[in-house]
Structure formats: structure tokens, C-alpha cells
């Protein structure tokens, strides 16, 4: 995966979390962000973002890191 592609996924994931902030507390935001990523992202996109997080995940917001950690535990 190119740097440009992963940067795009990171940006999208962070934007999703930011948009879900209306749900209030971090727990709800993480839940809704995870639901969105699971529902609308392809498996390949999720795996690429998970691999990026495992490699350090720089630039991922804390909510997205939390979501990805949870996905990693369930896979």
C-alpha cells in the first residue's frame, strides 16, 4: 500500500471519529466509529489500517486507535 493510500485511510478514519463526536462520551464515539468502519469499509481497508496501527499508527486519533485495538482483539 502506498503512503498516499494509507494517509487517505487515516484521514477518513479520523474524520469519522470526529463526526461521531456528537454522540458525546468517548465510549459512544468509539462504538459508533467502529460500527461505521465495520459496515462501510472493505475488509482490505480495515486490514490495511490495522496493519498501520500495529506498525505505530502515527497520526491516528485516540478514538480510532481504541477502535482498532478492539478490532484486533476480536479477530
C-alpha atoms as a PDB file:
ATOM      1  CA  UNK A   1       0.000   0.000   0.000  1.00  0.00           C
ATOM      2  CA  UNK A   2       1.304   3.401  -0.885  1.00  0.00           C
ATOM      3  CA  UNK A   3       1.885   6.165   1.630  1.00  0.00           C
ATOM      4  CA  UNK A   4      -0.775   8.213  -0.143  1.00  0.00           C
ATOM      5  CA  UNK A   5      -3.342   5.412   0.260  1.00  0.00           C
ATOM      6  CA  UNK A   6      -2.658   4.854   3.956  1.00  0.00           C
ATOM      7  CA  UNK A   7      -2.718   8.593   4.612  1.00  0.00           C
ATOM      8  CA  UNK A   8      -6.138   8.703   2.971  1.00  0.00           C
ATOM      9  CA  UNK A   9      -7.431   5.863   5.179  1.00  0.00           C
ATOM     10  CA  UNK A  10      -6.035   7.557   8.294  1.00  0.00           C
ATOM     11  CA  UNK A  11      -7.677  10.841   7.324  1.00  0.00           C
ATOM     12  CA  UNK A  12     -11.027   9.154   6.672  1.00  0.00           C
ATOM     13  CA  UNK A  13     -10.951   7.188   9.938  1.00  0.00           C
ATOM     14  CA  UNK A  14     -10.076  10.305  11.938  1.00  0.00           C
ATOM     15  CA  UNK A  15     -12.865  12.255  10.206  1.00  0.00           C
ATOM     16  CA  UNK A  16     -15.385   9.529  11.017  1.00  0.00           C
ATOM     17  CA  UNK A  17     -14.401   9.701  14.692  1.00  0.00           C
ATOM     18  CA  UNK A  18     -14.636  13.486  14.642  1.00  0.00           C
ATOM     19  CA  UNK A  19     -18.100  13.338  13.081  1.00  0.00           C
ATOM     20  CA  UNK A  20     -19.234  10.805  15.675  1.00  0.00           C
ATOM     21  CA  UNK A  21     -18.241  13.187  18.489  1.00  0.00           C
ATOM     22  CA  UNK A  22     -21.867  14.312  18.621  1.00  0.00           C
ATOM     23  CA  UNK A  23     -22.609  11.044  20.431  1.00  0.00           C
ATOM     24  CA  UNK A  24     -20.910  12.524  23.493  1.00  0.00           C
ATOM     25  CA  UNK A  25     -18.622  10.388  25.585  1.00  0.00           C
ATOM     26  CA  UNK A  26     -15.579   8.618  24.170  1.00  0.00           C
ATOM     27  CA  UNK A  27     -17.122   5.172  24.664  1.00  0.00           C
ATOM     28  CA  UNK A  28     -20.120   6.014  22.457  1.00  0.00           C
ATOM     29  CA  UNK A  29     -17.919   7.753  19.893  1.00  0.00           C
ATOM     30  CA  UNK A  30     -15.649   4.695  19.682  1.00  0.00           C
ATOM     31  CA  UNK A  31     -18.634   2.357  19.370  1.00  0.00           C
ATOM     32  CA  UNK A  32     -20.239   4.372  16.558  1.00  0.00           C
ATOM     33  CA  UNK A  33     -16.905   4.836  14.776  1.00  0.00           C
ATOM     34  CA  UNK A  34     -16.254   1.099  14.908  1.00  0.00           C
ATOM     35  CA  UNK A  35     -19.751   0.324  13.641  1.00  0.00           C
ATOM     36  CA  UNK A  36     -19.249   2.674  10.707  1.00  0.00           C
ATOM     37  CA  UNK A  37     -15.871   1.213   9.760  1.00  0.00           C
ATOM     38  CA  UNK A  38     -17.183  -2.358  10.054  1.00  0.00           C
ATOM     39  CA  UNK A  39     -20.285  -1.582   7.992  1.00  0.00           C
ATOM     40  CA  UNK A  40     -18.911   0.609   5.212  1.00  0.00           C
ATOM     41  CA  UNK A  41     -15.222  -0.237   4.814  1.00  0.00           C
ATOM     42  CA  UNK A  42     -13.994  -3.260   2.899  1.00  0.00           C
ATOM     43  CA  UNK A  43     -12.095  -5.951   4.737  1.00  0.00           C
ATOM     44  CA  UNK A  44      -8.960  -4.908   2.831  1.00  0.00           C
ATOM     45  CA  UNK A  45      -9.301  -1.299   4.007  1.00  0.00           C
ATOM     46  CA  UNK A  46      -9.765  -2.415   7.626  1.00  0.00           C
ATOM     47  CA  UNK A  47      -6.774  -4.761   7.422  1.00  0.00           C
ATOM     48  CA  UNK A  48      -4.572  -2.040   5.950  1.00  0.00           C
ATOM     49  CA  UNK A  49      -5.487   0.330   8.758  1.00  0.00           C
ATOM     50  CA  UNK A  50      -4.968  -2.400  11.370  1.00  0.00           C
ATOM     51  CA  UNK A  51      -1.516  -3.136   9.931  1.00  0.00           C
ATOM     52  CA  UNK A  52      -0.711   0.580  10.022  1.00  0.00           C
ATOM     53  CA  UNK A  53      -1.726   0.785  13.699  1.00  0.00           C
ATOM     54  CA  UNK A  54       0.361  -2.290  14.539  1.00  0.00           C
ATOM     55  CA  UNK A  55       3.354  -0.544  12.943  1.00  0.00           C
ATOM     56  CA  UNK A  56       2.950   2.505  15.182  1.00  0.00           C
ATOM     57  CA  UNK A  57      -0.181   4.199  13.910  1.00  0.00           C
ATOM     58  CA  UNK A  58       1.176   7.733  13.892  1.00  0.00           C
ATOM     59  CA  UNK A  59      -1.478  10.361  13.146  1.00  0.00           C
ATOM     60  CA  UNK A  60      -4.390   8.139  14.207  1.00  0.00           C
ATOM     61  CA  UNK A  61      -6.589   9.882  16.752  1.00  0.00           C
ATOM     62  CA  UNK A  62      -7.021   8.149  20.143  1.00  0.00           C
ATOM     63  CA  UNK A  63     -10.593   7.063  19.364  1.00  0.00           C
ATOM     64  CA  UNK A  64      -9.533   5.345  16.141  1.00  0.00           C
ATOM     65  CA  UNK A  65      -6.636   3.663  17.963  1.00  0.00           C
ATOM     66  CA  UNK A  66      -9.124   2.382  20.533  1.00  0.00           C
ATOM     67  CA  UNK A  67     -11.455   1.086  17.803  1.00  0.00           C
ATOM     68  CA  UNK A  68      -8.612  -0.675  16.008  1.00  0.00           C
ATOM     69  CA  UNK A  69      -7.315  -2.213  19.241  1.00  0.00           C
ATOM     70  CA  UNK A  70     -10.789  -3.613  19.853  1.00  0.00           C
ATOM     71  CA  UNK A  71     -10.968  -4.975  16.295  1.00  0.00           C
ATOM     72  CA  UNK A  72      -7.555  -6.569  16.759  1.00  0.00           C
ATOM     73  CA  UNK A  73      -8.755  -8.340  19.913  1.00  0.00           C
ATOM     74  CA  UNK A  74     -11.831  -9.785  18.212  1.00  0.00           C
ATOM     75  CA  UNK A  75     -10.011 -11.023  15.098  1.00  0.00           C
END
